[in-house]
Protein backbone atom coordinates (compact mmCIF):
# COMPACT_ATOMS: atom_id res chain seq x y z
CA MET A 1 141.19 36.81 -37.06
CA THR A 2 143.86 39.50 -36.83
CA ASP A 3 143.22 43.11 -35.89
CA GLU A 4 143.92 44.13 -39.47
CA GLN A 5 141.35 41.66 -40.81
CA ILE A 6 138.78 42.90 -38.29
CA LYS A 7 139.43 46.51 -39.33
CA ARG A 8 139.07 45.57 -43.01
CA LEU A 9 135.82 43.74 -42.32
CA ALA A 10 134.49 46.71 -40.34
CA GLN A 11 135.44 49.02 -43.20
CA LEU A 12 133.59 46.85 -45.74
CA VAL A 13 130.50 46.72 -43.53
CA ALA A 14 130.57 50.49 -43.04
CA GLU A 15 130.91 51.08 -46.80
CA GLU A 16 127.94 48.80 -47.51
CA ILE A 17 125.80 50.56 -44.89
CA ILE A 18 126.68 53.96 -46.32
CA LYS A 19 125.86 52.77 -49.84
CA GLN A 20 122.47 51.47 -48.69
CA LEU A 21 121.71 54.73 -46.90
CA GLU A 22 122.59 56.69 -50.04
CA VAL A 23 120.26 54.50 -52.11
CA LYS A 24 117.42 55.02 -49.63
CA GLU A 25 118.01 58.78 -49.62
CA MET A 26 117.96 58.87 -53.44
CA ASP A 27 114.71 56.89 -53.42
CA HIS A 28 113.20 59.33 -50.95
CA LEU A 29 114.23 62.35 -53.05
CA LEU A 30 112.87 60.76 -56.22
CA MET A 31 109.54 60.01 -54.57
CA GLU A 32 109.21 63.64 -53.48
CA LYS A 33 110.00 65.06 -56.93
CA MET A 34 108.05 62.62 -59.07
CA GLY A 35 104.34 62.35 -58.74
CA SER A 36 103.01 59.88 -61.25
CA PRO A 37 103.35 56.11 -60.79
CA TYR A 38 104.85 55.86 -64.28
CA GLU A 39 107.69 58.24 -63.41
CA LEU A 40 108.36 56.38 -60.16
CA LEU A 41 108.51 53.03 -61.93
CA ILE A 42 110.87 54.37 -64.59
CA ALA A 43 113.16 55.86 -61.95
CA GLU A 44 113.19 52.62 -59.97
CA LEU A 45 113.83 50.62 -63.13
CA ALA A 46 116.84 52.78 -63.97
CA ARG A 47 118.20 52.44 -60.44
CA LEU A 48 117.82 48.67 -60.47
CA MET A 49 119.45 48.33 -63.87
CA THR A 50 122.44 50.31 -62.64
CA LEU A 51 122.63 48.16 -59.54
CA MET A 52 122.41 44.96 -61.59
CA VAL A 53 125.31 46.05 -63.82
CA THR A 54 127.36 46.86 -60.73
CA TYR A 55 126.70 43.41 -59.30
CA GLU A 56 127.57 41.74 -62.59
CA ASP A 57 130.81 43.72 -62.86
CA THR A 58 131.82 42.61 -59.36
CA GLU A 59 130.76 39.03 -60.15
CA GLN A 60 128.00 38.99 -57.53
CA TYR A 61 125.72 36.97 -59.74
CA GLU A 62 123.25 35.87 -57.05
CA LYS A 63 122.50 39.50 -56.19
CA ALA A 64 122.28 40.35 -59.89
CA ALA A 65 119.71 37.58 -60.38
CA ILE A 66 117.58 38.94 -57.55
CA ILE A 67 117.70 42.42 -59.08
CA LYS A 68 116.84 40.95 -62.50
CA ASN A 69 113.66 39.43 -61.02
CA LYS A 70 112.71 42.81 -59.58
CA ILE A 71 113.37 44.46 -62.96
CA ASP A 72 111.11 41.91 -64.68
CA ARG A 73 108.29 42.63 -62.21
CA LEU A 74 108.65 46.39 -62.73
CA GLN A 75 108.57 45.99 -66.51
CA LYS A 76 105.32 44.04 -66.21
CA GLN A 77 103.87 46.81 -64.06
CA LEU A 78 104.88 49.38 -66.67
CA GLU A 79 103.19 47.35 -69.41
CA ARG A 80 99.92 47.45 -67.44
CA LEU A 81 99.98 51.25 -67.18
């Protein structure tokens, strides 16, 4: 592996870590502002749908399928409320 390839790999890893930290920070802010379970589920559902579309656009279909399963579970939880 060349130095340039290592730098590119490090950059991709850093970008992914930053993206995950941003998602966790958004989750934390949402949890503080929203009190009811219904509002939390709706916010999480919106976030997951956005994430699923992003994965589909970048052709990461395995990740999109995992997110789809989470969306299905959240929708069932919403139906029970």
